[in-house]
């Protein structure tokens, strides 16, 4: 997988391809629910848009799933380097 060449901007499309590498660092804690959301995004294999860039310049996404109870779950996640690839749009046919 390639590494990002330019910083992400609002509206850019990415695909989550792996868990963030920093999560494997000793003493780095991530909640089980956050890990599960990332695993579901990886398994889904669909592009997702950058929803927000915060004051520190970190990109955020918004995703939603249908939960086990049948209710809609909405999640907002910051995206770390090393877990995503940029989606290049297909050329449209005339």
Protein backbone atom coordinates (compact mmCIF):
# COMPACT_ATOMS: atom_id res chain seq x y z
CA UNK A 1 0.00 0.00 0.00
CA UNK A 2 1.21 3.48 -0.75
CA UNK A 3 1.80 6.22 1.75
CA UNK A 4 -0.01 9.53 1.49
CA UNK A 5 1.71 12.13 -0.69
CA UNK A 6 -0.24 15.22 0.40
CA UNK A 7 -2.19 16.08 3.53
CA UNK A 8 -5.87 15.26 3.55
CA UNK A 9 -8.40 18.00 2.87
CA UNK A 10 -12.09 18.32 3.61
CA UNK A 11 -14.03 16.13 1.16
CA UNK A 12 -11.10 13.87 0.19
CA UNK A 13 -12.04 10.21 -0.17
CA UNK A 14 -10.02 7.51 1.56
CA UNK A 15 -10.30 3.80 2.31
CA UNK A 16 -9.32 2.35 5.68
CA UNK A 17 -7.02 -0.60 4.97
CA UNK A 18 -5.47 -1.52 8.33
CA UNK A 19 -5.51 -0.67 12.00
CA UNK A 20 -3.29 2.34 12.82
CA UNK A 21 0.30 1.14 13.42
CA UNK A 22 0.71 3.22 16.57
CA UNK A 23 -1.95 1.08 18.26
CA UNK A 24 0.67 -1.70 18.50
CA UNK A 25 2.91 0.52 20.65
CA UNK A 26 3.38 -0.64 24.24
CA UNK A 27 1.07 1.10 26.72
CA UNK A 28 -1.10 2.57 23.92
CA UNK A 29 -4.76 2.10 24.86
CA UNK A 30 -7.67 2.10 22.41
CA UNK A 31 -11.19 1.20 23.44
CA UNK A 32 -12.71 -2.03 22.19
CA UNK A 33 -15.54 -0.16 20.47
CA UNK A 34 -13.08 2.01 18.48
CA UNK A 35 -11.16 -1.09 17.38
CA UNK A 36 -14.43 -2.72 16.30
CA UNK A 37 -15.44 0.33 14.23
CA UNK A 38 -12.07 0.30 12.45
CA UNK A 39 -12.38 -3.45 11.78
CA UNK A 40 -15.84 -2.94 10.32
CA UNK A 41 -14.57 -0.12 8.08
CA UNK A 42 -11.72 -2.34 6.86
CA UNK A 43 -14.12 -5.21 6.13
CA UNK A 44 -16.60 -2.89 4.38
CA UNK A 45 -13.91 -1.81 1.86
CA UNK A 46 -15.87 1.29 0.83
CA UNK A 47 -14.43 4.78 0.42
CA UNK A 48 -15.29 7.34 3.06
CA UNK A 49 -15.03 11.14 2.93
CA UNK A 50 -13.08 13.38 5.25
CA UNK A 51 -15.84 15.10 7.20
CA UNK A 52 -13.85 17.65 9.18
CA UNK A 53 -10.36 19.02 9.74
CA UNK A 54 -9.96 20.11 13.36
CA UNK A 55 -7.95 23.06 14.74
CA UNK A 56 -4.85 20.84 15.03
CA UNK A 57 -5.12 19.84 11.37
CA UNK A 58 -6.28 16.27 12.09
CA UNK A 59 -8.75 14.70 9.63
CA UNK A 60 -12.01 13.23 10.96
CA UNK A 61 -14.52 10.89 9.33
CA UNK A 62 -18.16 10.20 10.07
CA UNK A 63 -19.46 6.67 9.52
CA UNK A 64 -22.64 4.85 10.38
CA UNK A 65 -23.62 1.23 10.82
CA UNK A 66 -26.73 -0.66 11.79
CA UNK A 67 -26.08 -2.00 15.28
CA UNK A 68 -26.98 -5.36 16.76
CA UNK A 69 -30.25 -3.92 18.06
CA UNK A 70 -31.20 -2.68 14.58
CA UNK A 71 -30.62 0.98 15.47
CA UNK A 72 -28.36 3.30 13.53
CA UNK A 73 -24.93 3.90 15.11
CA UNK A 74 -23.03 7.04 14.11
CA UNK A 75 -19.29 7.28 14.80
CA UNK A 76 -16.79 10.12 14.43
CA UNK A 77 -13.13 9.06 14.22
CA UNK A 78 -9.83 10.82 13.76
CA UNK A 79 -7.73 9.20 11.03
CA UNK A 80 -4.09 8.39 11.76
CA UNK A 81 -1.36 8.11 9.14
CA UNK A 82 -0.55 4.58 8.07
CA UNK A 83 -4.06 3.12 8.16
CA UNK A 84 -5.59 4.52 4.97
CA UNK A 85 -5.06 4.97 1.23
CA UNK A 86 -6.38 7.77 -0.92
CA UNK A 87 -9.16 6.82 -3.34
CA UNK A 88 -8.55 8.04 -6.87
CA UNK A 89 -11.80 8.78 -8.69
CA UNK A 90 -12.55 6.83 -11.84
CA UNK A 91 -12.71 8.68 -15.11
CA UNK A 92 -16.25 9.10 -16.34
CA UNK A 93 -17.28 7.75 -19.70
CA UNK A 94 -18.88 10.11 -22.16
